[in-house]
PDB file of N, CA and C in Angstrom:
ATOM      1  N   MET A   1      -8.818  45.946 -26.248  1.00  0.00           N
ATOM      2  CA  MET A   1      -9.999  45.019 -26.128  1.00  0.00           C
ATOM      3  C   MET A   1     -10.094  43.665 -25.788  1.00  0.00           C
ATOM      4  N   ARG A   2      -9.482  43.156 -27.031  1.00  0.00           N
ATOM      5  CA  ARG A   2      -9.450  42.018 -26.986  1.00  0.00           C
ATOM      6  C   ARG A   2      -8.114  41.414 -26.769  1.00  0.00           C
ATOM      7  N   ILE A   3      -6.628  41.631 -26.031  1.00  0.00           N
ATOM      8  CA  ILE A   3      -5.990  41.281 -25.254  1.00  0.00           C
ATOM      9  C   ILE A   3      -6.472  40.747 -23.951  1.00  0.00           C
ATOM     10  N   THR A   4      -7.424  42.032 -23.350  1.00  0.00           N
ATOM     11  CA  THR A   4      -7.938  42.004 -21.952  1.00  0.00           C
ATOM     12  C   THR A   4      -9.171  41.267 -21.773  1.00  0.00           C
ATOM     13  N   LYS A   5     -10.136  40.427 -23.223  1.00  0.00           N
ATOM     14  CA  LYS A   5     -10.855  39.237 -22.664  1.00  0.00           C
ATOM     15  C   LYS A   5      -9.775  37.703 -23.038  1.00  0.00           C
ATOM     16  N   SER A   6      -9.038  38.046 -23.916  1.00  0.00           N
ATOM     17  CA  SER A   6      -8.093  36.610 -23.854  1.00  0.00           C
ATOM     18  C   SER A   6      -7.220  36.515 -22.502  1.00  0.00           C
ATOM     19  N   LEU A   7      -6.659  37.136 -21.735  1.00  0.00           N
ATOM     20  CA  LEU A   7      -6.255  37.386 -20.377  1.00  0.00           C
ATOM     21  C   LEU A   7      -7.060  36.983 -19.389  1.00  0.00           C
ATOM     22  N   LEU A   8      -8.278  37.797 -19.668  1.00  0.00           N
ATOM     23  CA  LEU A   8      -9.243  37.001 -18.326  1.00  0.00           C
ATOM     24  C   LEU A   8      -9.398  35.969 -18.658  1.00  0.00           C
ATOM     25  N   PHE A   9      -9.486  35.721 -19.728  1.00  0.00           N
ATOM     26  CA  PHE A   9     -10.584  33.917 -20.356  1.00  0.00           C
ATOM     27  C   PHE A   9      -9.263  33.302 -19.476  1.00  0.00           C
ATOM     28  N   SER A  10      -8.192  33.006 -19.967  1.00  0.00           N
ATOM     29  CA  SER A  10      -7.000  32.614 -19.870  1.00  0.00           C
ATOM     30  C   SER A  10      -6.710  31.941 -18.338  1.00  0.00           C
ATOM     31  N   ILE A  11      -6.601  33.451 -17.409  1.00  0.00           N
ATOM     32  CA  ILE A  11      -6.744  33.501 -15.980  1.00  0.00           C
ATOM     33  C   ILE A  11      -7.825  33.007 -15.613  1.00  0.00           C
ATOM     34  N   LEU A  12      -8.385  32.575 -16.017  1.00  0.00           N
ATOM     35  CA  LEU A  12     -10.015  31.701 -15.718  1.00  0.00           C
ATOM     36  C   LEU A  12     -10.008  30.087 -15.923  1.00  0.00           C
ATOM     37  N   PHE A  13      -9.226  30.333 -17.367  1.00  0.00           N
ATOM     38  CA  PHE A  13      -8.789  28.866 -17.371  1.00  0.00           C
ATOM     39  C   PHE A  13      -7.771  28.064 -16.608  1.00  0.00           C
ATOM     40  N   ALA A  14      -6.888  28.896 -16.283  1.00  0.00           N
ATOM     41  CA  ALA A  14      -6.119  28.448 -15.472  1.00  0.00           C
ATOM     42  C   ALA A  14      -6.483  28.458 -13.465  1.00  0.00           C
ATOM     43  N   PHE A  15      -7.575  29.092 -13.416  1.00  0.00           N
ATOM     44  CA  PHE A  15      -8.008  28.618 -12.228  1.00  0.00           C
ATOM     45  C   PHE A  15      -8.463  27.362 -11.875  1.00  0.00           C
ATOM     46  N   VAL A  16      -9.825  27.292 -13.174  1.00  0.00           N
ATOM     47  CA  VAL A  16     -10.747  26.167 -13.120  1.00  0.00           C
ATOM     48  C   VAL A  16      -9.339  24.592 -12.889  1.00  0.00           C
ATOM     49  N   LEU A  17      -8.410  24.845 -14.086  1.00  0.00           N
ATOM     50  CA  LEU A  17      -7.814  24.134 -14.173  1.00  0.00           C
ATOM     51  C   LEU A  17      -6.652  23.267 -12.369  1.00  0.00           C
ATOM     52  N   GLY A  18      -7.247  24.708 -11.839  1.00  0.00           N
ATOM     53  CA  GLY A  18      -6.068  24.194 -10.999  1.00  0.00           C
ATOM     54  C   GLY A  18      -6.889  23.473  -9.749  1.00  0.00           C
ATOM     55  N   THR A  19      -8.394  24.202  -9.571  1.00  0.00           N
ATOM     56  CA  THR A  19      -9.259  24.001  -8.396  1.00  0.00           C
ATOM     57  C   THR A  19      -9.583  22.406  -9.259  1.00  0.00           C
ATOM     58  N   ALA A  20      -9.613  21.968 -10.036  1.00  0.00           N
ATOM     59  CA  ALA A  20     -10.245  20.208 -10.938  1.00  0.00           C
ATOM     60  C   ALA A  20      -9.234  19.521 -10.876  1.00  0.00           C
ATOM     61  N   SER A  21      -7.666  19.971 -10.046  1.00  0.00           N
ATOM     62  CA  SER A  21      -6.844  19.519 -10.070  1.00  0.00           C
ATOM     63  C   SER A  21      -6.518  18.759  -8.635  1.00  0.00           C
ATOM     64  N   ALA A  22      -7.353  19.322  -7.250  1.00  0.00           N
ATOM     65  CA  ALA A  22      -7.204  19.589  -6.072  1.00  0.00           C
ATOM     66  C   ALA A  22      -7.691  18.010  -5.560  1.00  0.00           C
ATOM     67  N   SER A  23      -7.146  17.197  -5.178  1.00  0.00           N
ATOM     68  CA  SER A  23      -6.709  16.270  -4.353  1.00  0.00           C
ATOM     69  C   SER A  23      -8.759  15.956  -3.225  1.00  0.00           C
ATOM     70  N   THR A  24      -9.487  15.171  -3.809  1.00  0.00           N
ATOM     71  CA  THR A  24     -10.681  15.707  -2.754  1.00  0.00           C
ATOM     72  C   THR A  24     -10.739  13.499  -2.518  1.00  0.00           C
ATOM     73  N   ASP A  25     -10.070  13.028  -2.508  1.00  0.00           N
ATOM     74  CA  ASP A  25      -9.987  11.783  -1.777  1.00  0.00           C
ATOM     75  C   ASP A  25     -10.173  11.407  -0.193  1.00  0.00           C
ATOM     76  N   PRO A  26     -10.925  11.063  -0.249  1.00  0.00           N
ATOM     77  CA  PRO A  26     -11.259  11.114   1.738  1.00  0.00           C
ATOM     78  C   PRO A  26     -10.321  10.421   2.248  1.00  0.00           C
ATOM     79  N   THR A  27     -10.053   8.894   1.420  1.00  0.00           N
ATOM     80  CA  THR A  27      -8.938   7.618   2.227  1.00  0.00           C
ATOM     81  C   THR A  27      -8.092   8.354   2.560  1.00  0.00           C
ATOM     82  N   VAL A  28      -6.971   9.407   1.881  1.00  0.00           N
ATOM     83  CA  VAL A  28      -5.938  10.033   1.206  1.00  0.00           C
ATOM     84  C   VAL A  28      -5.801  10.449   3.178  1.00  0.00           C
ATOM     85  N   LYS A  29      -5.145   9.633   4.659  1.00  0.00           N
ATOM     86  CA  LYS A  29      -4.666  10.547   5.801  1.00  0.00           C
ATOM     87  C   LYS A  29      -3.737  11.699   5.577  1.00  0.00           C
ATOM     88  N   SER A  30      -3.876  12.496   6.735  1.00  0.00           N
ATOM     89  CA  SER A  30      -2.557  13.054   6.361  1.00  0.00           C
ATOM     90  C   SER A  30      -2.178  12.444   7.940  1.00  0.00           C
ATOM     91  N   ALA A  31      -0.613  13.043   7.923  1.00  0.00           N
ATOM     92  CA  ALA A  31       0.303  12.706   9.009  1.00  0.00           C
ATOM     93  C   ALA A  31       0.294  12.813  10.352  1.00  0.00           C
ATOM     94  N   ARG A  32      -0.312  14.096  10.448  1.00  0.00           N
ATOM     95  CA  ARG A  32      -1.162  14.334  11.795  1.00  0.00           C
ATOM     96  C   ARG A  32      -2.630  13.287  12.253  1.00  0.00           C
ATOM     97  N   THR A  33      -2.871  12.904  11.656  1.00  0.00           N
ATOM     98  CA  THR A  33      -4.376  12.001  12.075  1.00  0.00           C
ATOM     99  C   THR A  33      -3.904  10.527  11.614  1.00  0.00           C
ATOM    100  N   GLU A  34      -2.674   9.857  11.151  1.00  0.00           N
ATOM    101  CA  GLU A  34      -1.834   8.542  11.168  1.00  0.00           C
ATOM    102  C   GLU A  34      -0.717   8.696  12.738  1.00  0.00           C
ATOM    103  N   ILE A  35      -0.217   9.264  13.744  1.00  0.00           N
ATOM    104  CA  ILE A  35      -0.249   9.719  14.415  1.00  0.00           C
ATOM    105  C   ILE A  35      -0.728  10.006  15.868  1.00  0.00           C
ATOM    106  N   LYS A  36      -2.164   9.997  15.275  1.00  0.00           N
ATOM    107  CA  LYS A  36      -2.849  10.248  16.725  1.00  0.00           C
ATOM    108  C   LYS A  36      -3.125   8.932  16.736  1.00  0.00           C
ATOM    109  N   GLU A  37      -4.248   8.218  15.480  1.00  0.00           N
ATOM    110  CA  GLU A  37      -4.291   6.599  15.609  1.00  0.00           C
ATOM    111  C   GLU A  37      -3.804   6.115  15.607  1.00  0.00           C
ATOM    112  N   MET A  38      -2.059   5.711  16.036  1.00  0.00           N
ATOM    113  CA  MET A  38      -0.882   4.963  15.983  1.00  0.00           C
ATOM    114  C   MET A  38      -0.816   5.353  18.128  1.00  0.00           C
ATOM    115  N   ILE A  39      -1.294   6.773  18.751  1.00  0.00           N
ATOM    116  CA  ILE A  39      -1.403   6.534  20.101  1.00  0.00           C
ATOM    117  C   ILE A  39      -2.279   5.913  20.533  1.00  0.00           C
ATOM    118  N   VAL A  40      -3.549   6.617  20.206  1.00  0.00           N
ATOM    119  CA  VAL A  40      -5.043   5.596  20.132  1.00  0.00           C
ATOM    120  C   VAL A  40      -4.656   4.740  20.792  1.00  0.00           C
ATOM    121  N   LYS A  41      -4.235   3.365  19.568  1.00  0.00           N
ATOM    122  CA  LYS A  41      -4.311   2.273  19.060  1.00  0.00           C
ATOM    123  C   LYS A  41      -3.319   2.122  20.586  1.00  0.00           C
ATOM    124  N   ALA A  42      -2.164   2.571  20.981  1.00  0.00           N
ATOM    125  CA  ALA A  42      -0.793   1.700  21.947  1.00  0.00           C
ATOM    126  C   ALA A  42      -1.695   2.317  23.134  1.00  0.00           C
ATOM    127  N   GLU A  43      -2.732   2.779  23.251  1.00  0.00           N
ATOM    128  CA  GLU A  43      -3.864   3.217  24.919  1.00  0.00           C
ATOM    129  C   GLU A  43      -2.260   3.311  25.890  1.00  0.00           C
ATOM    130  N   ILE A  44      -1.751   4.698  25.995  1.00  0.00           N
ATOM    131  CA  ILE A  44      -1.021   4.621  26.923  1.00  0.00           C
ATOM    132  C   ILE A  44      -1.195   6.206  27.595  1.00  0.00           C
ATOM    133  N   THR A  45      -3.026   6.187  27.402  1.00  0.00           N
ATOM    134  CA  THR A  45      -3.570   7.415  28.116  1.00  0.00           C
ATOM    135  C   THR A  45      -3.824   6.149  29.153  1.00  0.00           C
ATOM    136  N   LYS A  46      -4.317   4.972  29.408  1.00  0.00           N
ATOM    137  CA  LYS A  46      -5.109   4.460  30.339  1.00  0.00           C
ATOM    138  C   LYS A  46      -4.333   4.326  31.909  1.00  0.00           C
ATOM    139  N   ASP A  47      -3.030   5.308  32.066  1.00  0.00           N
ATOM    140  CA  ASP A  47      -2.220   5.112  34.221  1.00  0.00           C
ATOM    141  C   ASP A  47      -1.968   6.932  33.516  1.00  0.00           C
ATOM    142  N   LEU A  48      -2.779   7.911  32.962  1.00  0.00           N
ATOM    143  CA  LEU A  48      -2.412   8.893  33.409  1.00  0.00           C
ATOM    144  C   LEU A  48      -3.806   9.174  33.993  1.00  0.00           C
ATOM    145  N   LYS A  49      -3.027  10.323  34.973  1.00  0.00           N
ATOM    146  CA  LYS A  49      -4.134  11.108  35.826  1.00  0.00           C
ATOM    147  C   LYS A  49      -5.206  12.363  35.779  1.00  0.00           C
ATOM    148  N   ALA A  50      -4.310  12.465  34.823  1.00  0.00           N
ATOM    149  CA  ALA A  50      -5.174  14.263  34.656  1.00  0.00           C
ATOM    150  C   ALA A  50      -4.742  14.257  33.145  1.00  0.00           C
ATOM    151  N   GLU A  51      -5.254  15.187  32.183  1.00  0.00           N
ATOM    152  CA  GLU A  51      -5.159  14.993  31.020  1.00  0.00           C
ATOM    153  C   GLU A  51      -4.265  16.657  31.039  1.00  0.00           C
ATOM    154  N   THR A  52      -3.750  15.967  29.673  1.00  0.00           N
ATOM    155  CA  THR A  52      -1.996  16.539  29.612  1.00  0.00           C
ATOM    156  C   THR A  52      -1.683  16.716  28.318  1.00  0.00           C
ATOM    157  N   THR A  53      -1.098  17.948  27.711  1.00  0.00           N
ATOM    158  CA  THR A  53      -0.081  17.720  26.876  1.00  0.00           C
ATOM    159  C   THR A  53       1.610  18.232  26.546  1.00  0.00           C
ATOM    160  N   VAL A  54       1.167  17.120  25.554  1.00  0.00           N
ATOM    161  CA  VAL A  54       3.173  16.727  24.771  1.00  0.00           C
ATOM    162  C   VAL A  54       3.538  16.918  23.680  1.00  0.00           C
ATOM    163  N   ASN A  55       4.653  18.379  24.253  1.00  0.00           N
ATOM    164  CA  ASN A  55       5.015  18.574  22.693  1.00  0.00           C
ATOM    165  C   ASN A  55       5.921  17.540  21.680  1.00  0.00           C
ATOM    166  N   VAL A  56       5.415  16.654  21.175  1.00  0.00           N
ATOM    167  CA  VAL A  56       6.338  15.587  20.458  1.00  0.00           C
ATOM    168  C   VAL A  56       7.388  16.352  19.003  1.00  0.00           C
ATOM    169  N   THR A  57       8.519  16.334  19.054  1.00  0.00           N
ATOM    170  CA  THR A  57       9.217  17.000  18.031  1.00  0.00           C
ATOM    171  C   THR A  57      10.034  15.700  16.903  1.00  0.00           C
ATOM    172  N   PHE A  58       9.629  15.423  15.716  1.00  0.00           N
ATOM    173  CA  PHE A  58      10.351  14.568  15.279  1.00  0.00           C
ATOM    174  C   PHE A  58      10.261  14.984  13.927  1.00  0.00           C
ATOM    175  N   GLN A  59      11.391  13.983  13.225  1.00  0.00           N
ATOM    176  CA  GLN A  59      11.486  14.094  11.812  1.00  0.00           C
ATOM    177  C   GLN A  59      10.933  12.923  11.140  1.00  0.00           C
ATOM    178  N   VAL A  60      10.485  13.213   9.851  1.00  0.00           N
ATOM    179  CA  VAL A  60      10.930  11.530   9.193  1.00  0.00           C
ATOM    180  C   VAL A  60      12.189  11.647   8.253  1.00  0.00           C
ATOM    181  N   ASN A  61      12.031  10.126   8.043  1.00  0.00           N
ATOM    182  CA  ASN A  61      13.574   9.679   7.474  1.00  0.00           C
ATOM    183  C   ASN A  61      13.306   9.244   5.792  1.00  0.00           C
ATOM    184  N   ALA A  62      13.836   9.358   4.920  1.00  0.00           N
ATOM    185  CA  ALA A  62      13.846   8.683   3.658  1.00  0.00           C
ATOM    186  C   ALA A  62      12.822   7.489   3.325  1.00  0.00           C
ATOM    187  N   LYS A  63      12.895   6.961   4.340  1.00  0.00           N
ATOM    188  CA  LYS A  63      12.091   5.530   4.013  1.00  0.00           C
ATOM    189  C   LYS A  63      10.439   5.518   4.167  1.00  0.00           C
ATOM    190  N   ASN A  64      10.346   7.133   5.384  1.00  0.00           N
ATOM    191  CA  ASN A  64       8.832   7.731   5.284  1.00  0.00           C
ATOM    192  C   ASN A  64       8.668   6.919   6.907  1.00  0.00           C
ATOM    193  N   GLU A  65       9.552   7.026   7.774  1.00  0.00           N
ATOM    194  CA  GLU A  65       9.363   6.794   8.986  1.00  0.00           C
ATOM    195  C   GLU A  65       9.798   7.185   9.839  1.00  0.00           C
ATOM    196  N   ILE A  66       9.164   7.569  11.251  1.00  0.00           N
ATOM    197  CA  ILE A  66       9.029   8.609  11.629  1.00  0.00           C
ATOM    198  C   ILE A  66      10.486   8.284  13.025  1.00  0.00           C
ATOM    199  N   ILE A  67      10.614   9.574  13.201  1.00  0.00           N
ATOM    200  CA  ILE A  67      12.356   9.553  14.218  1.00  0.00           C
ATOM    201  C   ILE A  67      11.638  10.431  14.971  1.00  0.00           C
ATOM    202  N   VAL A  68      11.476   9.825  16.137  1.00  0.00           N
ATOM    203  CA  VAL A  68      11.233  10.848  17.799  1.00  0.00           C
ATOM    204  C   VAL A  68      12.515  11.708  18.286  1.00  0.00           C
ATOM    205  N   ILE A  69      12.367  12.329  17.953  1.00  0.00           N
ATOM    206  CA  ILE A  69      13.748  13.259  18.793  1.00  0.00           C
ATOM    207  C   ILE A  69      13.433  13.441  20.386  1.00  0.00           C
ATOM    208  N   SER A  70      12.721  14.063  20.516  1.00  0.00           N
ATOM    209  CA  SER A  70      11.971  14.552  22.157  1.00  0.00           C
ATOM    210  C   SER A  70      10.813  14.564  22.242  1.00  0.00           C
ATOM    211  N   THR A  71      10.160  14.777  23.401  1.00  0.00           N
ATOM    212  CA  THR A  71       8.915  14.718  23.835  1.00  0.00           C
ATOM    213  C   THR A  71       9.172  16.068  24.898  1.00  0.00           C
ATOM    214  N   ASP A  72       7.816  16.804  25.556  1.00  0.00           N
ATOM    215  CA  ASP A  72       8.974  17.527  26.459  1.00  0.00           C
ATOM    216  C   ASP A  72       7.654  17.153  28.230  1.00  0.00           C
ATOM    217  N   SER A  73       7.239  15.885  27.611  1.00  0.00           N
ATOM    218  CA  SER A  73       7.101  14.845  29.584  1.00  0.00           C
ATOM    219  C   SER A  73       8.086  13.642  30.147  1.00  0.00           C
ATOM    220  N   ASP A  74       9.329  13.509  30.766  1.00  0.00           N
ATOM    221  CA  ASP A  74       9.856  12.768  31.163  1.00  0.00           C
ATOM    222  C   ASP A  74       8.237  11.276  31.575  1.00  0.00           C
ATOM    223  N   ASP A  75       7.628  11.640  32.017  1.00  0.00           N
ATOM    224  CA  ASP A  75       6.528  10.718  32.334  1.00  0.00           C
ATOM    225  C   ASP A  75       6.141   9.962  31.061  1.00  0.00           C
ATOM    226  N   LEU A  76       6.094  10.088  30.328  1.00  0.00           N
ATOM    227  CA  LEU A  76       5.103   9.581  29.110  1.00  0.00           C
ATOM    228  C   LEU A  76       6.628   9.894  27.974  1.00  0.00           C
ATOM    229  N   ASP A  77       7.826   9.838  27.621  1.00  0.00           N
ATOM    230  CA  ASP A  77       8.948  10.356  27.109  1.00  0.00           C
ATOM    231  C   ASP A  77       8.813   8.525  26.579  1.00  0.00           C
ATOM    232  N   ALA A  78       9.214   7.894  27.276  1.00  0.00           N
ATOM    233  CA  ALA A  78       9.720   6.669  26.785  1.00  0.00           C
ATOM    234  C   ALA A  78       8.745   5.887  26.162  1.00  0.00           C
ATOM    235  N   SER A  79       7.128   5.585  26.336  1.00  0.00           N
ATOM    236  CA  SER A  79       6.185   5.265  26.409  1.00  0.00           C
ATOM    237  C   SER A  79       5.247   6.039  25.021  1.00  0.00           C
ATOM    238  N   LEU A  80       5.779   7.177  24.124  1.00  0.00           N
ATOM    239  CA  LEU A  80       5.797   7.823  22.998  1.00  0.00           C
ATOM    240  C   LEU A  80       6.997   7.593  22.384  1.00  0.00           C
ATOM    241  N   LYS A  81       7.502   7.176  22.216  1.00  0.00           N
ATOM    242  CA  LYS A  81       9.379   6.480  21.194  1.00  0.00           C
ATOM    243  C   LYS A  81       8.506   5.364  21.217  1.00  0.00           C
ATOM    244  N   ALA A  82       8.242   4.578  22.196  1.00  0.00           N
ATOM    245  CA  ALA A  82       8.484   2.938  22.083  1.00  0.00           C
ATOM    246  C   ALA A  82       6.916   3.139  20.631  1.00  0.00           C
ATOM    247  N   VAL A  83       6.567   4.096  21.119  1.00  0.00           N
ATOM    248  CA  VAL A  83       4.328   3.939  20.464  1.00  0.00           C
ATOM    249  C   VAL A  83       5.480   3.976  18.889  1.00  0.00           C
ATOM    250  N   LEU A  84       5.755   5.408  19.146  1.00  0.00           N
ATOM    251  CA  LEU A  84       5.643   6.719  17.391  1.00  0.00           C
ATOM    252  C   LEU A  84       7.603   5.838  16.485  1.00  0.00           C
ATOM    253  N   ASN A  85       8.999   5.230  17.220  1.00  0.00           N
ATOM    254  CA  ASN A  85       9.930   5.534  16.847  1.00  0.00           C
ATOM    255  C   ASN A  85       9.716   4.051  15.675  1.00  0.00           C
ATOM    256  N   TYR A  86       9.921   4.809  14.407  1.00  0.00           N
ATOM    257  CA  TYR A  86      10.090   3.849  13.238  1.00  0.00           C
ATOM    258  C   TYR A  86       9.059   3.114  12.633  1.00  0.00           C
ATOM    259  N   LYS A  87       7.696   3.945  12.946  1.00  0.00           N
ATOM    260  CA  LYS A  87       6.712   3.511  12.090  1.00  0.00           C
ATOM    261  C   LYS A  87       6.431   4.026  11.265  1.00  0.00           C
ATOM    262  N   LYS A  88       6.259   3.322   9.956  1.00  0.00           N
ATOM    263  CA  LYS A  88       6.100   3.820   8.757  1.00  0.00           C
ATOM    264  C   LYS A  88       4.840   4.662   8.740  1.00  0.00           C
ATOM    265  N   LEU A  89       4.526   6.354   8.032  1.00  0.00           N
ATOM    266  CA  LEU A  89       3.522   6.639   7.325  1.00  0.00           C
ATOM    267  C   LEU A  89       3.245   6.269   6.514  1.00  0.00           C
ATOM    268  N   LYS A  90       2.295   6.256   6.123  1.00  0.00           N
ATOM    269  CA  LYS A  90       0.900   5.851   4.522  1.00  0.00           C
ATOM    270  C   LYS A  90       1.559   7.606   3.624  1.00  0.00           C
ATOM    271  N   SER A  91       1.013   8.354   4.607  1.00  0.00           N
ATOM    272  CA  SER A  91       0.659   9.578   4.391  1.00  0.00           C
ATOM    273  C   SER A  91       2.066  10.593   3.221  1.00  0.00           C
ATOM    274  N   SER A  92       1.863  11.191   2.311  1.00  0.00           N
ATOM    275  CA  SER A  92       3.262  11.886   1.535  1.00  0.00           C
ATOM    276  C   SER A  92       3.083  13.565   2.035  1.00  0.00           C
ATOM    277  N   ASP A  93       2.410  13.733   3.053  1.00  0.00           N
ATOM    278  CA  ASP A  93       1.523  15.364   3.305  1.00  0.00           C
ATOM    279  C   ASP A  93       2.778  15.848   4.074  1.00  0.00           C
ATOM    280  N   ILE A  94       4.127  15.474   4.266  1.00  0.00           N
ATOM    281  CA  ILE A  94       5.506  15.569   5.229  1.00  0.00           C
ATOM    282  C   ILE A  94       6.789  15.576   4.283  1.00  0.00           C
ATOM    283  N   SER A  95       7.366  16.887   4.744  1.00  0.00           N
ATOM    284  CA  SER A  95       8.754  16.662   4.337  1.00  0.00           C
ATOM    285  C   SER A  95      10.181  15.682   4.292  1.00  0.00           C
ATOM    286  N   ILE A  96      10.800  15.488   4.541  1.00  0.00           N
ATOM    287  CA  ILE A  96      11.599  14.500   4.875  1.00  0.00           C
ATOM    288  C   ILE A  96      13.023  15.639   5.793  1.00  0.00           C
ATOM    289  N   GLY A  97      13.254  14.994   6.547  1.00  0.00           N
ATOM    290  CA  GLY A  97      14.627  15.975   7.044  1.00  0.00           C
ATOM    291  C   GLY A  97      13.958  17.174   7.389  1.00  0.00           C
ATOM    292  N   ILE A  98      12.851  17.442   7.727  1.00  0.00           N
ATOM    293  CA  ILE A  98      12.909  18.599   8.635  1.00  0.00           C
ATOM    294  C   ILE A  98      12.051  18.142   9.728  1.00  0.00           C
ATOM    295  N   THR A  99      12.558  19.294  11.056  1.00  0.00           N
ATOM    296  CA  THR A  99      11.756  19.286  12.542  1.00  0.00           C
ATOM    297  C   THR A  99      10.321  19.846  12.303  1.00  0.00           C
ATOM    298  N   TYR A 100       9.841  18.979  12.606  1.00  0.00           N
ATOM    299  CA  TYR A 100       8.028  19.099  13.261  1.00  0.00           C
ATOM    300  C   TYR A 100       8.397  18.647  14.626  1.00  0.00           C
ATOM    301  N   THR A 101       7.548  19.700  15.321  1.00  0.00           N
ATOM    302  CA  THR A 101       6.848  19.900  16.678  1.00  0.00           C
ATOM    303  C   THR A 101       5.264  20.074  16.239  1.00  0.00           C
ATOM    304  N   LEU A 102       4.707  18.456  17.498  1.00  0.00           N
ATOM    305  CA  LEU A 102       3.325  18.600  16.707  1.00  0.00           C
ATOM    306  C   LEU A 102       2.929  18.444  18.301  1.00  0.00           C
ATOM    307  N   PRO A 103       1.770  19.063  18.989  1.00  0.00           N
ATOM    308  CA  PRO A 103       1.348  18.947  20.057  1.00  0.00           C
ATOM    309  C   PRO A 103       0.491  18.132  20.169  1.00  0.00           C
ATOM    310  N   ILE A 104       0.452  17.414  21.531  1.00  0.00           N
ATOM    311  CA  ILE A 104      -0.146  15.947  21.220  1.00  0.00           C
ATOM    312  C   ILE A 104      -1.454  15.899  22.493  1.00  0.00           C
ATOM    313  N   LYS A 105      -2.765  16.351  22.440  1.00  0.00           N
ATOM    314  CA  LYS A 105      -3.427  16.773  23.953  1.00  0.00           C
ATOM    315  C   LYS A 105      -3.853  15.065  24.549  1.00  0.00           C
ATOM    316  N   LEU A 106      -3.546  14.470  25.714  1.00  0.00           N
ATOM    317  CA  LEU A 106      -3.968  13.327  26.064  1.00  0.00           C
ATOM    318  C   LEU A 106      -5.158  13.402  26.983  1.00  0.00           C
ATOM    319  N   THR A 107      -5.770  12.770  27.286  1.00  0.00           N
ATOM    320  CA  THR A 107      -6.774  12.760  27.813  1.00  0.00           C
ATOM    321  C   THR A 107      -7.316  11.003  28.543  1.00  0.00           C
ATOM    322  N   LYS A 108      -7.565  11.031  29.358  1.00  0.00           N
ATOM    323  CA  LYS A 108      -7.710  10.016  30.217  1.00  0.00           C
ATOM    324  C   LYS A 108      -8.963   9.544  29.468  1.00  0.00           C
TER     325      LYS A 108
END
């Protein structure tokens, strides 16, 4: 019985310690939010005729810069690459060298 109480207390302590150390800082932005803000600031949607979704495939290099590999829109490819390529991310929630595909919904 004593071992069971000790084990239960240890598990409970580990759970409380794990949740207490979680980041609750609202000022830390995710990479997705940063990319969204870059696109909104660039105003590439002003020439759109209709709502569209573009899949952007990219990686992040060792300097935490976005490297756009491809997009699935011929019309917006150059604009998105100009806005995003080699822009530095402040967030660190994304792994270096991994290929990501981010769907971006653009509205007028």
